[in-house]
Amino acid sequence: QVQLVESGGGLVQPGGSLRLSCAASGFTFSNKFMRWYRQAPGKERELVAHISSGGGTTNYADSVKGRFTISRDNAKKTVYLQMNSLKPEDTAVYYCNSRLGPNDYWGQGTQVTVSS
């Protein structure tokens, strides 16, 4: 079955960096766009970044442009989110997502907390 497993979250000071990973299984990873979303307490889930199946096209929310980089390794079936210059407002649970036909699949999420 489809599985998405995120890792790499944690507590970091403002200005710091983290790299999130999402390991995928159960589908043909190299054929699918992949997305990172986040959800802060009391807020709706928002799209942070997405990457095309081959990795050649990426897109970012305005709030993270220039600070976050999405990438993928199709051989490892893993998508990454490199987060630099982190701000307190980046605090959220981060989820990776894949859409297969009409269905959305989500990982369990990984908590990112940016605080001094």
N, C-alpha and C. Protein backbone atom coordinates (compact mmCIF):
# COMPACT_ATOMS: atom_id res chain seq x y z
N GLN A 1 0.84 -1.18 0.00
CA GLN A 1 0.00 0.00 0.00
C GLN A 1 0.88 1.24 0.00
N VAL A 2 0.27 2.37 -0.33
CA VAL A 2 1.02 3.62 -0.37
C VAL A 2 1.45 4.02 1.04
N GLN A 3 2.72 4.34 1.17
CA GLN A 3 3.23 4.85 2.46
C GLN A 3 4.15 6.03 2.20
N LEU A 4 3.97 7.04 3.02
CA LEU A 4 4.84 8.21 3.02
C LEU A 4 5.29 8.43 4.46
N VAL A 5 6.60 8.45 4.68
CA VAL A 5 7.13 8.56 6.03
C VAL A 5 8.09 9.75 6.09
N GLU A 6 7.66 10.77 6.83
CA GLU A 6 8.48 11.97 6.98
C GLU A 6 9.44 11.83 8.16
N SER A 7 10.54 12.53 8.07
CA SER A 7 11.50 12.60 9.17
C SER A 7 12.30 13.88 9.05
N GLY A 8 13.03 14.20 10.12
CA GLY A 8 13.93 15.35 10.07
C GLY A 8 13.47 16.58 10.80
N GLY A 9 12.27 16.56 11.34
CA GLY A 9 11.80 17.72 12.08
C GLY A 9 12.51 17.87 13.41
N GLY A 10 12.23 18.96 14.07
CA GLY A 10 12.82 19.18 15.39
C GLY A 10 12.70 20.62 15.82
N LEU A 11 13.43 20.95 16.87
CA LEU A 11 13.46 22.31 17.42
C LEU A 11 14.72 23.00 16.90
N VAL A 12 14.54 24.19 16.36
CA VAL A 12 15.68 24.93 15.82
C VAL A 12 15.50 26.41 16.17
N GLN A 13 16.61 27.09 16.33
CA GLN A 13 16.55 28.53 16.62
C GLN A 13 16.25 29.32 15.35
N PRO A 14 15.67 30.51 15.50
CA PRO A 14 15.46 31.37 14.32
C PRO A 14 16.77 31.57 13.57
N GLY A 15 16.68 31.50 12.25
CA GLY A 15 17.87 31.61 11.41
C GLY A 15 18.54 30.28 11.11
N GLY A 16 18.11 29.24 11.79
CA GLY A 16 18.71 27.93 11.60
C GLY A 16 18.16 27.19 10.39
N SER A 17 18.61 25.95 10.24
CA SER A 17 18.25 25.13 9.09
C SER A 17 17.83 23.73 9.54
N LEU A 18 16.98 23.13 8.73
CA LEU A 18 16.60 21.73 8.88
C LEU A 18 16.39 21.16 7.49
N ARG A 19 16.59 19.85 7.39
CA ARG A 19 16.26 19.16 6.15
C ARG A 19 15.27 18.06 6.46
N LEU A 20 14.10 18.15 5.85
CA LEU A 20 13.08 17.12 6.00
C LEU A 20 13.22 16.10 4.88
N SER A 21 12.89 14.86 5.21
CA SER A 21 12.89 13.79 4.21
C SER A 21 11.53 13.11 4.23
N CYS A 22 11.14 12.59 3.10
CA CYS A 22 9.91 11.82 2.99
C CYS A 22 10.20 10.60 2.12
N ALA A 23 10.17 9.43 2.75
CA ALA A 23 10.43 8.18 2.04
C ALA A 23 9.10 7.60 1.57
N ALA A 24 9.03 7.28 0.29
CA ALA A 24 7.79 6.80 -0.32
C ALA A 24 7.89 5.34 -0.70
N SER A 25 6.76 4.66 -0.66
CA SER A 25 6.70 3.28 -1.11
C SER A 25 5.26 2.96 -1.53
N GLY A 26 5.13 1.90 -2.32
CA GLY A 26 3.79 1.44 -2.70
C GLY A 26 3.25 2.03 -3.98
N PHE A 27 4.04 2.85 -4.65
CA PHE A 27 3.61 3.41 -5.93
C PHE A 27 4.86 3.75 -6.73
N THR A 28 4.66 4.08 -8.01
CA THR A 28 5.78 4.40 -8.88
C THR A 28 6.20 5.85 -8.64
N PHE A 29 7.10 6.01 -7.70
CA PHE A 29 7.50 7.33 -7.21
C PHE A 29 7.97 8.24 -8.35
N SER A 30 8.74 7.68 -9.25
CA SER A 30 9.37 8.51 -10.29
C SER A 30 8.38 9.09 -11.29
N ASN A 31 7.12 8.63 -11.23
CA ASN A 31 6.10 9.14 -12.14
C ASN A 31 5.27 10.27 -11.56
N LYS A 32 5.46 10.57 -10.28
CA LYS A 32 4.53 11.44 -9.57
C LYS A 32 5.13 12.74 -9.09
N PHE A 33 4.34 13.83 -9.27
CA PHE A 33 4.65 15.05 -8.55
C PHE A 33 4.62 14.74 -7.06
N MET A 34 5.42 15.46 -6.32
CA MET A 34 5.39 15.35 -4.87
C MET A 34 5.27 16.75 -4.28
N ARG A 35 4.64 16.81 -3.13
CA ARG A 35 4.36 18.10 -2.49
C ARG A 35 4.71 18.05 -1.02
N TRP A 36 5.09 19.20 -0.49
CA TRP A 36 5.20 19.40 0.95
C TRP A 36 4.13 20.42 1.35
N TYR A 37 3.40 20.08 2.39
CA TYR A 37 2.42 20.97 3.01
C TYR A 37 2.85 21.21 4.45
N ARG A 38 2.24 22.20 5.06
CA ARG A 38 2.42 22.39 6.50
C ARG A 38 1.11 22.89 7.10
N GLN A 39 0.99 22.62 8.40
CA GLN A 39 -0.19 23.07 9.13
C GLN A 39 0.24 23.57 10.49
N ALA A 40 0.02 24.84 10.71
CA ALA A 40 0.32 25.46 12.00
C ALA A 40 -0.93 25.36 12.88
N PRO A 41 -0.75 25.43 14.20
CA PRO A 41 -1.90 25.33 15.10
C PRO A 41 -2.95 26.39 14.77
N GLY A 42 -4.20 25.95 14.66
CA GLY A 42 -5.28 26.87 14.40
C GLY A 42 -5.38 27.38 12.98
N LYS A 43 -4.55 26.85 12.09
CA LYS A 43 -4.56 27.32 10.70
C LYS A 43 -4.83 26.16 9.76
N GLU A 44 -5.22 26.51 8.54
CA GLU A 44 -5.45 25.47 7.54
C GLU A 44 -4.12 24.95 6.99
N ARG A 45 -4.17 23.74 6.49
CA ARG A 45 -2.99 23.18 5.85
C ARG A 45 -2.70 23.97 4.58
N GLU A 46 -1.43 24.30 4.38
CA GLU A 46 -1.05 25.08 3.21
C GLU A 46 0.05 24.39 2.42
N LEU A 47 -0.01 24.58 1.11
CA LEU A 47 1.02 24.03 0.23
C LEU A 47 2.29 24.86 0.36
N VAL A 48 3.39 24.18 0.62
CA VAL A 48 4.68 24.86 0.78
C VAL A 48 5.48 24.80 -0.51
N ALA A 49 5.54 23.60 -1.12
CA ALA A 49 6.35 23.44 -2.33
C ALA A 49 5.92 22.20 -3.06
N HIS A 50 6.14 22.18 -4.36
CA HIS A 50 5.95 20.94 -5.10
C HIS A 50 7.07 20.79 -6.13
N ILE A 51 7.23 19.54 -6.56
CA ILE A 51 8.29 19.21 -7.50
C ILE A 51 7.75 18.21 -8.51
N SER A 52 8.13 18.39 -9.77
CA SER A 52 7.67 17.51 -10.82
C SER A 52 8.32 16.13 -10.70
N SER A 53 7.82 15.20 -11.48
CA SER A 53 8.25 13.81 -11.35
C SER A 53 9.76 13.65 -11.60
N GLY A 54 10.29 14.41 -12.55
CA GLY A 54 11.71 14.32 -12.85
C GLY A 54 12.56 15.29 -12.08
N GLY A 55 11.92 16.18 -11.34
CA GLY A 55 12.64 17.15 -10.53
C GLY A 55 12.98 18.44 -11.23
N GLY A 56 12.61 18.56 -12.49
CA GLY A 56 13.00 19.74 -13.25
C GLY A 56 12.18 20.98 -13.00
N THR A 57 11.00 20.79 -12.42
CA THR A 57 10.11 21.92 -12.14
C THR A 57 9.76 21.94 -10.67
N THR A 58 9.95 23.10 -10.07
CA THR A 58 9.59 23.28 -8.66
C THR A 58 8.78 24.56 -8.51
N ASN A 59 8.02 24.62 -7.45
CA ASN A 59 7.24 25.82 -7.18
C ASN A 59 7.11 25.95 -5.67
N TYR A 60 7.04 27.21 -5.20
CA TYR A 60 7.07 27.48 -3.76
C TYR A 60 6.01 28.50 -3.39
N ALA A 61 5.53 28.37 -2.16
CA ALA A 61 4.70 29.42 -1.59
C ALA A 61 5.55 30.68 -1.44
N ASP A 62 4.91 31.83 -1.59
CA ASP A 62 5.65 33.09 -1.48
C ASP A 62 6.36 33.21 -0.13
N SER A 63 5.75 32.67 0.89
CA SER A 63 6.30 32.81 2.25
C SER A 63 7.62 32.08 2.45
N VAL A 64 7.93 31.12 1.57
CA VAL A 64 9.18 30.35 1.75
C VAL A 64 10.15 30.51 0.58
N LYS A 65 9.73 31.24 -0.43
CA LYS A 65 10.57 31.40 -1.62
C LYS A 65 11.91 32.01 -1.24
N GLY A 66 12.98 31.41 -1.75
CA GLY A 66 14.33 31.89 -1.46
C GLY A 66 14.93 31.31 -0.19
N ARG A 67 14.11 30.64 0.62
CA ARG A 67 14.61 30.04 1.87
C ARG A 67 14.52 28.52 1.86
N PHE A 68 13.51 27.98 1.20
CA PHE A 68 13.29 26.53 1.17
C PHE A 68 13.62 26.01 -0.23
N THR A 69 14.11 24.76 -0.26
CA THR A 69 14.38 24.10 -1.53
C THR A 69 13.84 22.68 -1.49
N ILE A 70 13.00 22.36 -2.45
CA ILE A 70 12.48 20.99 -2.56
C ILE A 70 13.32 20.25 -3.60
N SER A 71 13.60 18.99 -3.31
CA SER A 71 14.38 18.16 -4.24
C SER A 71 13.93 16.72 -4.08
N ARG A 72 14.39 15.87 -4.97
CA ARG A 72 14.00 14.46 -4.89
C ARG A 72 15.12 13.59 -5.42
N ASP A 73 15.12 12.36 -4.92
CA ASP A 73 16.03 11.33 -5.41
C ASP A 73 15.15 10.15 -5.82
N ASN A 74 14.93 10.00 -7.10
CA ASN A 74 14.01 8.95 -7.55
C ASN A 74 14.56 7.56 -7.31
N ALA A 75 15.86 7.42 -7.29
CA ALA A 75 16.46 6.11 -7.00
C ALA A 75 16.18 5.70 -5.56
N LYS A 76 16.14 6.68 -4.66
CA LYS A 76 15.88 6.39 -3.25
C LYS A 76 14.40 6.56 -2.89
N LYS A 77 13.58 6.97 -3.86
CA LYS A 77 12.15 7.19 -3.62
C LYS A 77 11.93 8.13 -2.45
N THR A 78 12.67 9.22 -2.46
CA THR A 78 12.65 10.16 -1.35
C THR A 78 12.57 11.58 -1.88
N VAL A 79 11.74 12.38 -1.21
CA VAL A 79 11.66 13.80 -1.49
C VAL A 79 12.15 14.55 -0.26
N TYR A 80 12.83 15.67 -0.49
CA TYR A 80 13.45 16.43 0.58
C TYR A 80 12.90 17.86 0.60
N LEU A 81 13.00 18.47 1.76
CA LEU A 81 12.73 19.90 1.88
C LEU A 81 13.84 20.50 2.73
N GLN A 82 14.73 21.22 2.08
CA GLN A 82 15.78 21.93 2.78
C GLN A 82 15.25 23.29 3.20
N MET A 83 15.29 23.56 4.49
CA MET A 83 14.72 24.79 5.04
C MET A 83 15.83 25.60 5.70
N ASN A 84 16.09 26.76 5.15
CA ASN A 84 17.12 27.65 5.68
C ASN A 84 16.47 28.94 6.19
N SER A 85 17.23 29.69 6.96
CA SER A 85 16.76 30.97 7.49
C SER A 85 15.38 30.84 8.11
N LEU A 86 15.24 29.83 8.95
CA LEU A 86 13.92 29.54 9.52
C LEU A 86 13.44 30.66 10.43
N LYS A 87 12.13 30.87 10.41
CA LYS A 87 11.48 31.91 11.20
C LYS A 87 10.46 31.26 12.14
N PRO A 88 10.12 31.94 13.22
CA PRO A 88 9.10 31.37 14.12
C PRO A 88 7.80 31.03 13.39
N GLU A 89 7.46 31.80 12.39
CA GLU A 89 6.21 31.53 11.66
C GLU A 89 6.28 30.30 10.77
N ASP A 90 7.45 29.68 10.67
CA ASP A 90 7.57 28.40 9.96
C ASP A 90 7.19 27.23 10.86
N THR A 91 6.94 27.49 12.13
CA THR A 91 6.55 26.44 13.06
C THR A 91 5.25 25.80 12.62
N ALA A 92 5.28 24.47 12.43
CA ALA A 92 4.12 23.75 11.93
C ALA A 92 4.46 22.27 11.89
N VAL A 93 3.44 21.47 11.64
CA VAL A 93 3.66 20.08 11.26
C VAL A 93 3.76 20.05 9.73
N TYR A 94 4.82 19.42 9.25
CA TYR A 94 5.07 19.34 7.82
C TYR A 94 4.72 17.95 7.30
N TYR A 95 3.98 17.93 6.20
CA TYR A 95 3.50 16.68 5.62
C TYR A 95 3.96 16.58 4.16
N CYS A 96 4.32 15.39 3.73
CA CYS A 96 4.49 15.20 2.30
C CYS A 96 3.22 14.57 1.75
N ASN A 97 3.04 14.76 0.47
CA ASN A 97 1.78 14.40 -0.18
C ASN A 97 2.05 13.89 -1.58
N SER A 98 1.26 12.88 -1.96
CA SER A 98 1.25 12.43 -3.34
C SER A 98 -0.20 12.21 -3.75
N ARG A 99 -0.48 12.54 -4.98
CA ARG A 99 -1.85 12.39 -5.49
C ARG A 99 -1.85 11.28 -6.54
N LEU A 100 -2.64 10.25 -6.27
CA LEU A 100 -2.74 9.12 -7.19
C LEU A 100 -4.18 9.04 -7.65
N GLY A 101 -4.43 9.43 -8.88
CA GLY A 101 -5.79 9.48 -9.37
C GLY A 101 -6.58 10.48 -8.54
N PRO A 102 -7.75 10.04 -8.04
CA PRO A 102 -8.57 10.96 -7.24
C PRO A 102 -8.17 11.04 -5.77
N ASN A 103 -7.18 10.26 -5.38
CA ASN A 103 -6.85 10.11 -3.97
C ASN A 103 -5.58 10.86 -3.58
N ASP A 104 -5.67 11.51 -2.43
CA ASP A 104 -4.51 12.14 -1.82
C ASP A 104 -3.95 11.24 -0.74
N TYR A 105 -2.64 11.10 -0.72
CA TYR A 105 -1.98 10.32 0.32
C TYR A 105 -1.06 11.23 1.11
N TRP A 106 -1.05 11.00 2.43
CA TRP A 106 -0.29 11.84 3.35
C TRP A 106 0.57 10.99 4.26
N GLY A 107 1.69 11.56 4.65
CA GLY A 107 2.46 10.94 5.71
C GLY A 107 1.88 11.33 7.06
N GLN A 108 2.58 10.90 8.12
CA GLN A 108 2.10 11.17 9.48
C GLN A 108 2.48 12.57 9.94
N GLY A 109 3.39 13.20 9.20
CA GLY A 109 3.84 14.54 9.54
C GLY A 109 5.06 14.54 10.44
N THR A 110 5.80 15.62 10.39
CA THR A 110 6.95 15.82 11.27
C THR A 110 6.91 17.25 11.79
N GLN A 111 7.07 17.40 13.10
CA GLN A 111 6.94 18.70 13.75
C GLN A 111 8.21 19.52 13.56
N VAL A 112 8.04 20.75 13.13
CA VAL A 112 9.13 21.72 13.07
C VAL A 112 8.77 22.87 13.99
N THR A 113 9.64 23.15 14.93
CA THR A 113 9.43 24.24 15.87
C THR A 113 10.61 25.18 15.79
N VAL A 114 10.33 26.44 15.50
CA VAL A 114 11.38 27.46 15.39
C VAL A 114 11.20 28.42 16.56
N SER A 115 12.13 28.36 17.49
CA SER A 115 12.00 29.15 18.71
C SER A 115 13.36 29.33 19.35
N SER A 116 13.53 30.48 20.00
CA SER A 116 14.76 30.71 20.74
C SER A 116 14.58 30.31 22.20
